[in-house]
Amino acid sequence: MATLGFFTPITFNNLPKSFLQSLLENVDSYFPQPEKTAHVVQGEAVGGREGVVLSKGTSSSCLVTALKVASYFTIVIPLILLAAKAILRQVHHFHLIDTAQRVRAGISDQELENAAAAIGQQNLDIRSREDTGQIHWINRNVFTLTAFPNLIFKIPQDHSRFKNMVEAQNVCLAHQLDCLIVPHARPVRVGPHLIIVERRLDIQSDESAQEDLYRLPGLDETIRQLAIFTALTGFSDVTWRNIPLIDTANDFEGNRKIALIDLEEMRSARTGFFGAAWPFRRGLVDCLHSAEHIDIALAEARNHNVRGHYAEIKARRLQEIEEDGRLQQFHERTGCLNDPRKLIEVADLASLELLNLEEEGEIVFYNESDDTDEIVKIQKKVTLREVTLDVIRLINEALAKTPEDASVKGKRYILLGVNQGIMHAYQNLGYLSHVPYDSEDDQRQWLRRIINALVEKGHLFKLDMVNGHGFFIQA
């Protein structure tokens, strides 16, 4: 059983404590504070020794720190308090909780060995990331094995991922964050690859479905704890897919629990609360669906001195929540709530008011010759009518392919990509030159004109974003 160093300060946080325990906490806080503080965990006493975890403590104010430093020069005060510390440590005994072992505990040695052997037999190719009979890639760093349905395998970007999971467990134990669950996991090396083998949780994996679940009741305390965790750890990639709800039944009573399934980024509490533009990070505030929950999160941000323009951030998120309400009304009005994959149908293209539907443009694309197998350049005249029909067809095809477990909003959010196929050929139609030179030239682009017309006439909700990948559309 690991013991605690003499100069490691003890804190009982908000736990009930005796006079001597309070005295020990105050005496310990007098001496220079190391990076880690020992936090007493309720219910973890073994053989008369209180269980503690090491995690960051709270820092003193500048004034208190200055007064303590000045008192060190008296020599007498430090000696008296050092003697008091020694006596109190004879009365109180502590042991370190092995949180790393607790994270590992859910996966046996045999299970880990078998999974590693199965991965080795598959000749894991992280460059192509192609599915095989045994391996299914969920995203570029996460895959599953058919033979191990209760495990999930993650390739970390660096070696901090498992360390962050252990630190998360420390923080949750130290601050009684019992609504937050750190999955059981173990690192293993398979050939050149470090892989985190994680116990799979029963969660709804689609992000849009999780977005919907965050509207459920029973989240007040859960949000408060998640905000404290974000402030203390700097957890920065806060988005629905990384903090899925575990307790999702509508009639669930009590505080719902959250799984912390992606702790790779612990870089900035500010980003964790308020997000970032690049690389895009949503942030906790933008995951919440009510003014009350936003206030709970911002209160903890203030308590932990996370700087931000609080009123502005709250107002922006409330505007987004209002837009979500308008999207809900749009889906009710168009019948999409009952039929989330309802097709876009335009009986009369003239109703889109796209001016001259017979306007012509020329596209260039490349095809493989049937005779010689060579790639040949093809130039072709097309009309605005033909392209409009094609765009509607491609939107409907994209709607049919969205994830089955997504919410209605998620099922009707699509990317109309422009980097391949006929859309690649269409993307320059309408421009005065191949490279748009101003926003007015952008508005001449046929694709943008067609999509904007579909929005204005109520066939689509909005054109959400345009970038190098294409047109992101909320239908």
Protein backbone atom coordinates (compact mmCIF):
# COMPACT_ATOMS: atom_id res chain seq x y z
CA MET A 1 0.00 0.00 0.00
CA ALA A 2 1.58 3.28 -1.15
CA THR A 3 1.96 5.95 1.55
CA LEU A 4 2.01 9.71 1.34
CA GLY A 5 5.04 11.98 1.45
CA PHE A 6 5.40 14.15 4.57
CA PHE A 7 5.34 17.46 2.70
CA THR A 8 2.43 16.60 0.41
CA PRO A 9 -0.43 18.84 1.61
CA ILE A 10 -3.76 17.27 2.61
CA THR A 11 -7.18 18.65 1.77
CA PHE A 12 -10.60 17.31 2.72
CA ASN A 13 -12.35 19.58 0.18
CA ASN A 14 -16.06 19.73 1.09
CA LEU A 15 -16.11 16.55 3.18
CA PRO A 16 -17.25 16.85 6.81
CA LYS A 17 -14.17 17.00 9.04
CA SER A 18 -13.22 17.05 12.70
CA PHE A 19 -11.37 19.88 14.46
CA LEU A 20 -8.04 18.03 14.13
CA GLN A 21 -8.63 17.35 10.44
CA SER A 22 -9.38 21.05 9.86
CA LEU A 23 -6.24 21.94 11.79
CA LEU A 24 -4.15 19.54 9.68
CA GLU A 25 -5.57 21.02 6.46
CA ASN A 26 -4.78 24.58 7.58
CA VAL A 27 -1.28 23.74 8.80
CA ASP A 28 -0.49 21.94 5.54
CA SER A 29 -1.68 24.93 3.50
CA TYR A 30 0.87 27.16 5.25
CA PHE A 31 3.89 25.53 3.63
CA PRO A 32 4.97 26.00 -0.02
CA GLN A 33 2.51 24.13 -2.21
CA PRO A 34 3.75 21.52 -4.71
CA GLU A 35 1.90 20.94 -7.98
CA LYS A 36 -0.18 18.10 -6.52
CA THR A 37 -2.32 18.03 -3.38
CA ALA A 38 -3.57 14.89 -1.65
CA HIS A 39 -7.39 14.92 -1.70
CA VAL A 40 -9.11 12.71 0.86
CA VAL A 41 -11.76 10.45 -0.71
CA GLN A 42 -14.77 9.49 1.37
CA GLY A 43 -15.31 5.77 1.94
CA GLU A 44 -11.77 4.75 0.94
CA ALA A 45 -10.25 4.17 4.41
CA VAL A 46 -8.25 0.92 4.73
CA GLY A 47 -6.81 -0.27 8.03
CA GLY A 48 -7.29 3.11 9.68
CA ARG A 49 -5.63 4.96 6.77
CA GLU A 50 -7.71 7.48 4.81
CA GLY A 51 -7.60 7.01 1.04
CA VAL A 52 -6.24 9.95 -0.96
CA VAL A 53 -5.63 10.79 -4.62
CA LEU A 54 -3.09 13.25 -5.95
CA SER A 55 -4.50 16.08 -8.03
CA LYS A 56 -4.10 19.81 -8.48
CA GLY A 57 -5.05 21.88 -5.46
CA THR A 58 -6.43 25.40 -5.23
CA SER A 59 -3.95 28.26 -5.23
CA SER A 60 -3.89 30.96 -2.55
CA SER A 61 -4.51 34.63 -3.32
CA CYS A 62 -1.50 36.87 -3.94
CA LEU A 63 -2.03 38.62 -0.59
CA VAL A 64 -2.14 35.37 1.41
CA THR A 65 0.93 34.06 -0.40
CA ALA A 66 2.83 37.30 0.33
CA LEU A 67 1.93 37.12 4.03
CA LYS A 68 3.04 33.50 4.26
CA VAL A 69 6.38 34.25 2.58
CA ALA A 70 6.96 37.19 4.96
CA SER A 71 6.27 34.92 7.96
CA TYR A 72 8.93 32.43 6.80
CA PHE A 73 11.61 34.97 7.76
CA THR A 74 10.52 34.89 11.40
CA ILE A 75 11.81 31.30 11.61
CA VAL A 76 9.77 30.76 14.79
CA ILE A 77 6.38 30.52 13.04
CA PRO A 78 7.56 27.95 10.46
CA LEU A 79 9.19 25.83 13.19
CA ILE A 80 6.05 25.83 15.34
CA LEU A 81 3.85 24.86 12.42
CA LEU A 82 6.36 22.24 11.25
CA ALA A 83 6.19 20.63 14.69
CA ALA A 84 2.38 20.79 14.59
CA LYS A 85 2.42 19.16 11.15
CA ALA A 86 4.64 16.31 12.44
CA ILE A 87 2.35 15.67 15.43
CA LEU A 88 -0.81 15.76 13.31
CA ARG A 89 0.70 13.36 10.79
CA GLN A 90 1.31 10.92 13.66
CA VAL A 91 -2.40 11.06 14.44
CA HIS A 92 -3.70 10.88 10.88
CA HIS A 93 -2.55 8.23 8.41
CA PHE A 94 -3.15 8.06 4.67
CA HIS A 95 -2.66 5.74 1.73
CA LEU A 96 -2.55 6.58 -1.98
CA ILE A 97 -5.36 5.13 -4.08
CA ASP A 98 -4.00 3.49 -7.23
CA THR A 99 -6.30 5.18 -9.74
CA ALA A 100 -4.32 3.87 -12.71
CA GLN A 101 -5.10 0.34 -11.55
CA ARG A 102 -8.78 1.26 -11.20
CA VAL A 103 -8.90 2.43 -14.80
CA ARG A 104 -7.17 -0.80 -15.92
CA ALA A 105 -9.28 -3.05 -13.68
CA GLY A 106 -12.16 -3.61 -16.09
CA ILE A 107 -10.01 -5.46 -18.65
CA SER A 108 -8.25 -8.70 -17.64
CA ASP A 109 -4.72 -9.68 -18.67
CA GLN A 110 -6.09 -12.56 -20.75
CA GLU A 111 -8.62 -10.37 -22.55
CA LEU A 112 -5.93 -7.80 -23.32
CA GLU A 113 -3.53 -10.46 -24.57
CA ASN A 114 -6.18 -12.06 -26.81
CA ALA A 115 -7.25 -8.70 -28.27
CA ALA A 116 -3.63 -7.68 -28.97
CA ALA A 117 -3.00 -11.03 -30.70
CA ALA A 118 -6.14 -10.56 -32.84
CA ILE A 119 -5.01 -7.08 -33.89
CA GLY A 120 -1.55 -8.42 -34.73
CA GLN A 121 -3.06 -11.06 -36.99
CA GLN A 122 -4.95 -8.39 -38.95
CA ASN A 123 -1.78 -6.52 -40.04
CA LEU A 124 -3.31 -3.23 -38.92
CA ASP A 125 -2.91 -0.60 -41.64
CA ILE A 126 -3.56 2.84 -40.18
CA ARG A 127 -2.75 4.56 -43.47
CA SER A 128 -5.56 3.08 -45.56
CA ARG A 129 -7.93 2.46 -42.64
CA GLU A 130 -9.95 0.07 -44.74
CA ASP A 131 -12.56 -2.16 -43.15
CA THR A 132 -11.83 -5.88 -43.26
CA GLY A 133 -13.82 -8.91 -42.17
CA GLN A 134 -12.63 -8.35 -38.60
CA ILE A 135 -11.83 -4.64 -38.33
CA HIS A 136 -14.37 -1.84 -38.64
CA TRP A 137 -13.09 1.76 -38.53
CA ILE A 138 -15.41 4.15 -36.67
CA ASN A 139 -13.20 7.14 -37.46
CA ARG A 140 -9.56 7.75 -38.31
CA ASN A 141 -8.32 6.78 -34.83
CA VAL A 142 -10.96 4.37 -33.52
CA PHE A 143 -11.88 0.85 -34.63
CA THR A 144 -13.67 -2.26 -33.42
CA LEU A 145 -12.93 -5.96 -33.76
CA THR A 146 -15.73 -8.37 -34.64
CA ALA A 147 -14.35 -10.97 -32.22
CA PHE A 148 -14.41 -8.49 -29.29
CA PRO A 149 -17.78 -6.70 -29.42
CA ASN A 150 -17.44 -5.38 -25.84
CA LEU A 151 -14.17 -3.57 -26.52
CA ILE A 152 -13.24 -0.53 -28.55
CA PHE A 153 -9.72 0.28 -29.78
CA LYS A 154 -8.24 3.77 -29.97
CA ILE A 155 -4.94 4.89 -31.52
CA PRO A 156 -3.85 7.95 -29.49
CA GLN A 157 -2.20 10.94 -31.17
CA ASP A 158 0.37 11.01 -28.37
CA HIS A 159 1.13 9.11 -25.15
CA SER A 160 -0.93 11.42 -22.92
CA ARG A 161 -4.32 9.82 -23.54
CA PHE A 162 -4.12 7.10 -20.89
CA LYS A 163 -2.37 9.49 -18.51
CA ASN A 164 -5.30 11.91 -18.98
CA MET A 165 -7.78 9.12 -18.19
CA VAL A 166 -5.97 8.45 -14.91
CA GLU A 167 -5.90 12.17 -14.08
CA ALA A 168 -9.62 12.33 -14.86
CA GLN A 169 -10.24 9.52 -12.39
CA ASN A 170 -8.18 11.40 -9.79
CA VAL A 171 -10.20 14.59 -10.29
CA CYS A 172 -13.54 12.77 -10.18
CA LEU A 173 -12.62 11.03 -6.93
CA ALA A 174 -11.05 14.12 -5.37
CA HIS A 175 -14.04 16.38 -6.04
CA GLN A 176 -16.88 13.84 -5.70
CA LEU A 177 -17.83 14.10 -9.38
CA ASP A 178 -19.89 10.92 -9.32
CA CYS A 179 -21.95 11.82 -12.41
CA LEU A 180 -18.85 11.48 -14.61
CA ILE A 181 -17.67 8.03 -15.67
CA VAL A 182 -14.16 7.27 -16.92
CA PRO A 183 -14.28 4.03 -18.96
CA HIS A 184 -12.05 1.09 -18.04
CA ALA A 185 -9.07 0.98 -20.36
CA ARG A 186 -5.57 -0.43 -20.80
CA PRO A 187 -2.76 0.57 -23.13
CA VAL A 188 -1.03 -2.11 -25.19
CA ARG A 189 1.62 -2.02 -27.89
CA VAL A 190 0.97 -4.03 -31.04
CA GLY A 191 3.95 -3.83 -33.34
CA PRO A 192 4.72 -0.13 -33.86
CA HIS A 193 1.29 0.99 -32.65
CA LEU A 194 0.29 2.08 -29.15
CA ILE A 195 -3.39 1.20 -28.73
CA ILE A 196 -5.80 2.02 -25.91
CA VAL A 197 -8.13 -0.94 -25.37
CA GLU A 198 -11.30 0.40 -23.80
CA ARG A 199 -14.38 -1.25 -22.34
CA ARG A 200 -17.28 -0.38 -24.60
CA LEU A 201 -20.17 1.44 -22.95
CA ASP A 202 -23.82 1.20 -23.91
CA ILE A 203 -24.20 4.67 -25.42
CA GLN A 204 -25.86 6.29 -28.40
CA SER A 205 -22.85 6.97 -30.61
CA ASP A 206 -24.27 9.41 -33.14
CA GLU A 207 -23.47 13.01 -32.21
CA SER A 208 -26.79 14.45 -33.34
CA ALA A 209 -28.61 11.85 -31.20
CA GLN A 210 -26.51 12.90 -28.19
CA GLU A 211 -27.32 16.55 -28.96
CA ASP A 212 -31.00 15.63 -28.59
CA LEU A 213 -30.39 13.69 -25.37
CA TYR A 214 -28.90 16.78 -23.72
CA ARG A 215 -32.45 18.18 -23.69
CA LEU A 216 -33.57 15.54 -21.17
CA PRO A 217 -34.39 16.48 -17.54
CA GLY A 218 -32.11 15.45 -14.69
CA LEU A 219 -28.97 17.20 -15.97
CA ASP A 220 -28.52 20.16 -13.58
CA GLU A 221 -26.04 18.45 -11.25
CA THR A 222 -24.42 16.60 -14.14
CA ILE A 223 -23.71 19.87 -15.98
CA ARG A 224 -22.32 21.43 -12.79
CA GLN A 225 -19.92 18.52 -12.32
CA LEU A 226 -18.87 18.55 -15.97
CA ALA A 227 -18.16 22.28 -15.69
CA ILE A 228 -16.01 21.72 -12.57
CA PHE A 229 -14.15 18.91 -14.35
CA THR A 230 -13.52 21.11 -17.41
CA ALA A 231 -12.20 23.94 -15.24
CA LEU A 232 -9.89 21.71 -13.18
CA THR A 233 -8.46 19.61 -16.02
CA GLY A 234 -8.46 21.95 -19.00
CA PHE A 235 -10.54 19.38 -20.92
CA SER A 236 -10.74 21.21 -24.23
CA ASP A 237 -12.49 19.03 -26.84
CA VAL A 238 -15.94 19.27 -25.27
CA THR A 239 -18.61 18.18 -27.74
CA TRP A 240 -21.56 15.80 -27.55
CA ARG A 241 -19.76 12.80 -29.08
CA ASN A 242 -17.01 13.00 -26.42
CA ILE A 243 -19.38 13.35 -23.43
CA PRO A 244 -22.29 11.00 -24.25
CA LEU A 245 -25.09 10.45 -21.76
CA ILE A 246 -25.33 6.95 -20.28
CA ASP A 247 -28.70 7.24 -18.50
CA THR A 248 -31.05 8.07 -21.38
CA ALA A 249 -34.47 6.71 -20.40
CA ASN A 250 -37.15 9.42 -20.43
CA ASP A 251 -38.49 8.25 -17.06
CA PHE A 252 -35.04 8.12 -15.41
CA GLU A 253 -35.04 9.67 -11.93
CA GLY A 254 -32.00 11.29 -10.32
CA ASN A 255 -28.84 12.75 -11.81
CA ARG A 256 -27.92 11.37 -15.22
CA LYS A 257 -24.36 10.18 -15.83
CA ILE A 258 -21.92 11.15 -18.57
CA ALA A 259 -19.13 9.00 -20.03
CA LEU A 260 -15.80 10.76 -20.63
CA ILE A 261 -14.82 8.77 -23.70
CA ASP A 262 -12.29 11.08 -25.37
CA LEU A 263 -9.87 12.83 -23.00
CA GLU A 264 -7.00 13.25 -25.44
CA GLU A 265 -7.10 17.04 -25.23
CA MET A 266 -6.59 18.68 -21.85
CA ARG A 267 -5.07 21.95 -23.00
CA SER A 268 -7.33 24.87 -22.12
CA ALA A 269 -10.27 25.30 -19.77
CA ARG A 270 -11.27 28.40 -21.75
CA THR A 271 -11.55 26.37 -24.95
CA GLY A 272 -13.36 23.67 -22.98
CA PHE A 273 -16.04 26.15 -21.92
CA PHE A 274 -16.28 28.48 -24.90
CA GLY A 275 -14.91 26.53 -27.86
CA ALA A 276 -12.50 27.64 -30.59
CA ALA A 277 -12.72 28.44 -34.28
CA TRP A 278 -9.58 26.58 -35.41
CA PRO A 279 -9.22 23.77 -34.92
CA PHE A 280 -12.98 23.78 -34.37
CA ARG A 281 -13.97 23.00 -30.80
CA ARG A 282 -17.60 23.30 -29.72
CA GLY A 283 -17.17 24.02 -26.02
CA LEU A 284 -19.44 23.15 -23.10
CA VAL A 285 -21.69 26.21 -23.37
CA ASP A 286 -22.58 25.34 -26.97
CA CYS A 287 -23.59 21.82 -25.90
CA LEU A 288 -26.33 23.13 -23.61
CA HIS A 289 -29.98 23.77 -24.50
CA SER A 290 -31.31 26.09 -21.80
CA ALA A 291 -30.45 29.39 -20.14
CA GLU A 292 -30.47 27.59 -16.77
CA HIS A 293 -27.81 25.08 -17.84
CA ILE A 294 -25.71 27.82 -19.42
CA ASP A 295 -25.85 29.76 -16.13
CA ILE A 296 -24.74 26.65 -14.19
CA ALA A 297 -21.72 26.22 -16.48
CA LEU A 298 -20.77 29.90 -16.46
CA ALA A 299 -21.04 30.05 -12.65
CA GLU A 300 -18.39 27.32 -12.35
CA ALA A 301 -16.25 29.05 -14.98
CA ARG A 302 -16.32 32.19 -12.82
CA ASN A 303 -15.59 30.22 -9.65
CA HIS A 304 -12.45 28.82 -11.29
CA ASN A 305 -11.33 32.11 -12.87
CA VAL A 306 -11.90 31.05 -16.48
CA ARG A 307 -11.89 34.31 -18.42
CA GLY A 308 -14.44 35.08 -21.12
CA HIS A 309 -17.11 37.51 -22.33
CA TYR A 310 -19.86 35.71 -20.45
CA ALA A 311 -22.87 37.83 -21.46
CA GLU A 312 -21.89 37.79 -25.13
CA ILE A 313 -21.25 34.03 -25.10
CA LYS A 314 -24.59 33.32 -23.43
CA ALA A 315 -26.50 35.61 -25.82
CA ARG A 316 -24.95 33.93 -28.88
CA ARG A 317 -25.84 30.46 -27.64
CA LEU A 318 -29.42 31.51 -26.84
CA GLN A 319 -29.76 32.71 -30.44
CA GLU A 320 -28.63 29.28 -31.63
CA ILE A 321 -31.20 27.63 -29.33
CA GLU A 322 -33.91 29.85 -30.85
CA GLU A 323 -32.81 28.75 -34.33
CA ASP A 324 -33.08 25.11 -33.21
CA GLY A 325 -36.66 25.89 -32.24
CA ARG A 326 -37.33 27.30 -35.71
CA LEU A 327 -35.80 24.16 -37.25
CA GLN A 328 -38.16 22.03 -35.14
CA GLN A 329 -41.12 24.07 -36.43
CA PHE A 330 -39.84 23.74 -40.01
CA HIS A 331 -39.65 19.96 -39.65
CA GLU A 332 -43.17 19.86 -38.19
CA ARG A 333 -44.50 21.99 -41.03
CA THR A 334 -42.82 19.94 -43.77
CA GLY A 335 -43.68 16.53 -42.27
CA CYS A 336 -40.05 15.59 -41.62
CA LEU A 337 -40.65 14.69 -37.97
CA ASN A 338 -42.70 11.71 -39.11
CA ASP A 339 -40.54 11.03 -42.17
CA PRO A 340 -36.94 12.14 -41.43
CA ARG A 341 -35.78 11.05 -44.90
CA LYS A 342 -38.53 12.81 -46.77
CA LEU A 343 -37.37 13.67 -50.28
CA ILE A 344 -37.03 17.19 -51.65
CA GLU A 345 -39.62 17.53 -54.37
CA VAL A 346 -40.03 20.56 -56.63
CA ALA A 347 -42.99 20.07 -58.95
CA ASP A 348 -42.30 23.20 -60.97
CA LEU A 349 -38.70 24.39 -61.28
CA ALA A 350 -39.95 27.79 -62.41
CA SER A 351 -41.24 28.31 -58.85
CA LEU A 352 -37.63 28.61 -57.70
CA GLU A 353 -37.38 31.86 -59.69
CA LEU A 354 -33.87 31.14 -60.93
CA LEU A 355 -34.30 33.53 -63.88
CA ASN A 356 -33.47 31.71 -67.10
CA LEU A 357 -33.54 27.93 -66.57
CA GLU A 358 -32.24 27.49 -70.09
CA GLU A 359 -29.07 29.47 -69.31
CA GLU A 360 -26.12 27.46 -70.59
CA GLY A 361 -22.71 26.73 -69.18
CA GLU A 362 -19.85 24.44 -70.08
CA ILE A 363 -18.41 21.76 -67.83
CA VAL A 364 -15.19 19.82 -68.16
CA PHE A 365 -14.68 16.39 -66.64
CA TYR A 366 -12.56 13.31 -67.21
CA ASN A 367 -13.70 9.77 -67.91
CA GLU A 368 -12.06 6.46 -68.70
CA SER A 369 -12.35 5.53 -72.38
CA ASP A 370 -14.32 2.32 -73.05
CA ASP A 371 -11.98 1.42 -75.88
CA THR A 372 -8.47 2.24 -74.64
CA ASP A 373 -8.86 2.49 -70.82
CA GLU A 374 -7.21 5.89 -71.10
CA ILE A 375 -8.48 8.97 -69.25
CA VAL A 376 -10.09 11.34 -71.72
CA LYS A 377 -11.16 14.96 -71.30
CA ILE A 378 -14.85 15.64 -71.95
CA GLN A 379 -16.42 19.07 -72.51
CA LYS A 380 -20.17 19.36 -72.34
CA LYS A 381 -22.84 22.04 -72.46
CA VAL A 382 -25.40 21.99 -69.63
CA THR A 383 -28.36 24.16 -68.71
CA LEU A 384 -29.32 25.61 -65.35
CA ARG A 385 -32.43 23.39 -65.47
CA GLU A 386 -30.30 20.21 -65.81
CA VAL A 387 -27.97 21.21 -62.99
CA THR A 388 -30.91 22.12 -60.71
CA LEU A 389 -32.46 18.68 -61.24
CA ASP A 390 -29.09 17.06 -60.57
CA VAL A 391 -28.58 19.04 -57.35
CA ILE A 392 -32.02 18.00 -56.05
CA ARG A 393 -31.24 14.37 -56.94
CA LEU A 394 -27.87 14.50 -55.14
CA ILE A 395 -29.44 16.11 -52.05
CA ASN A 396 -32.01 13.29 -51.90
CA GLU A 397 -29.29 10.65 -52.31
CA ALA A 398 -27.34 12.26 -49.46
CA LEU A 399 -30.44 12.29 -47.23
CA ALA A 400 -30.82 8.53 -47.78
CA LYS A 401 -27.27 7.89 -46.54
CA THR A 402 -27.19 9.80 -43.24
CA PRO A 403 -26.70 7.67 -40.08
CA GLU A 404 -29.69 5.57 -39.09
CA ASP A 405 -29.27 6.33 -35.36
CA ALA A 406 -29.06 10.11 -35.92
CA SER A 407 -31.72 12.53 -34.71
CA VAL A 408 -34.14 14.10 -37.22
CA LYS A 409 -31.81 17.09 -37.38
CA GLY A 410 -28.84 14.77 -37.95
CA LYS A 411 -30.63 12.70 -40.58
CA ARG A 412 -31.35 15.89 -42.51
CA TYR A 413 -27.89 17.47 -42.25
CA ILE A 414 -25.81 16.70 -45.33
CA LEU A 415 -22.65 17.63 -47.16
CA LEU A 416 -23.00 18.19 -50.88
CA GLY A 417 -19.36 17.57 -51.72
CA VAL A 418 -17.58 19.26 -54.64
CA ASN A 419 -14.31 17.37 -54.76
CA GLN A 420 -15.38 14.50 -56.96
CA GLY A 421 -18.01 13.35 -59.44
CA ILE A 422 -20.34 15.64 -61.33
CA MET A 423 -20.38 18.23 -58.53
CA HIS A 424 -16.68 18.83 -59.11
CA ALA A 425 -17.52 19.73 -62.69
CA TYR A 426 -20.46 21.92 -61.65
CA GLN A 427 -18.69 23.99 -59.00
CA ASN A 428 -17.28 26.65 -61.38
CA LEU A 429 -20.51 27.23 -63.30
CA GLY A 430 -21.63 30.85 -63.10
CA TYR A 431 -18.34 32.38 -62.07
CA LEU A 432 -16.91 35.12 -64.26
CA SER A 433 -13.55 33.40 -63.81
CA HIS A 434 -12.42 30.04 -62.37
CA VAL A 435 -11.49 31.75 -59.10
CA PRO A 436 -14.20 33.95 -57.51
CA TYR A 437 -12.83 37.41 -56.84
CA ASP A 438 -15.49 38.77 -54.48
CA SER A 439 -18.66 37.81 -52.60
CA GLU A 440 -20.81 39.11 -55.48
CA ASP A 441 -19.08 36.69 -57.84
CA ASP A 442 -19.76 33.91 -55.29
CA GLN A 443 -23.47 34.65 -55.54
CA ARG A 444 -23.34 34.07 -59.32
CA GLN A 445 -22.22 30.48 -58.79
CA TRP A 446 -24.96 28.19 -60.06
CA LEU A 447 -24.72 25.76 -57.14
CA ARG A 448 -25.08 28.53 -54.59
CA ARG A 449 -27.98 30.11 -56.52
CA ILE A 450 -29.81 26.76 -56.68
CA ILE A 451 -29.35 25.94 -52.98
CA ASN A 452 -30.27 29.47 -51.87
CA ALA A 453 -33.43 29.27 -54.00
CA LEU A 454 -34.36 25.93 -52.39
CA VAL A 455 -33.93 27.58 -48.98
CA GLU A 456 -35.93 30.71 -49.89
CA LYS A 457 -38.83 28.63 -51.23
CA GLY A 458 -38.98 26.46 -48.10
CA HIS A 459 -37.59 23.20 -49.50
CA LEU A 460 -34.45 23.40 -47.30
CA PHE A 461 -33.99 25.01 -43.89
CA LYS A 462 -30.64 26.69 -44.48
CA LEU A 463 -27.26 26.60 -46.17
CA ASP A 464 -25.17 26.20 -43.04
CA MET A 465 -21.64 26.55 -44.35
CA VAL A 466 -19.53 26.48 -47.52
CA ASN A 467 -15.88 25.47 -47.53
CA GLY A 468 -13.38 23.53 -49.64
CA HIS A 469 -15.30 20.29 -49.04
CA GLY A 470 -18.57 21.64 -50.38
CA PHE A 471 -22.00 22.81 -49.20
CA PHE A 472 -23.20 21.88 -45.70
CA ILE A 473 -26.99 21.90 -45.80
CA GLN A 474 -29.64 21.59 -43.12
CA ALA A 475 -32.66 20.14 -44.93
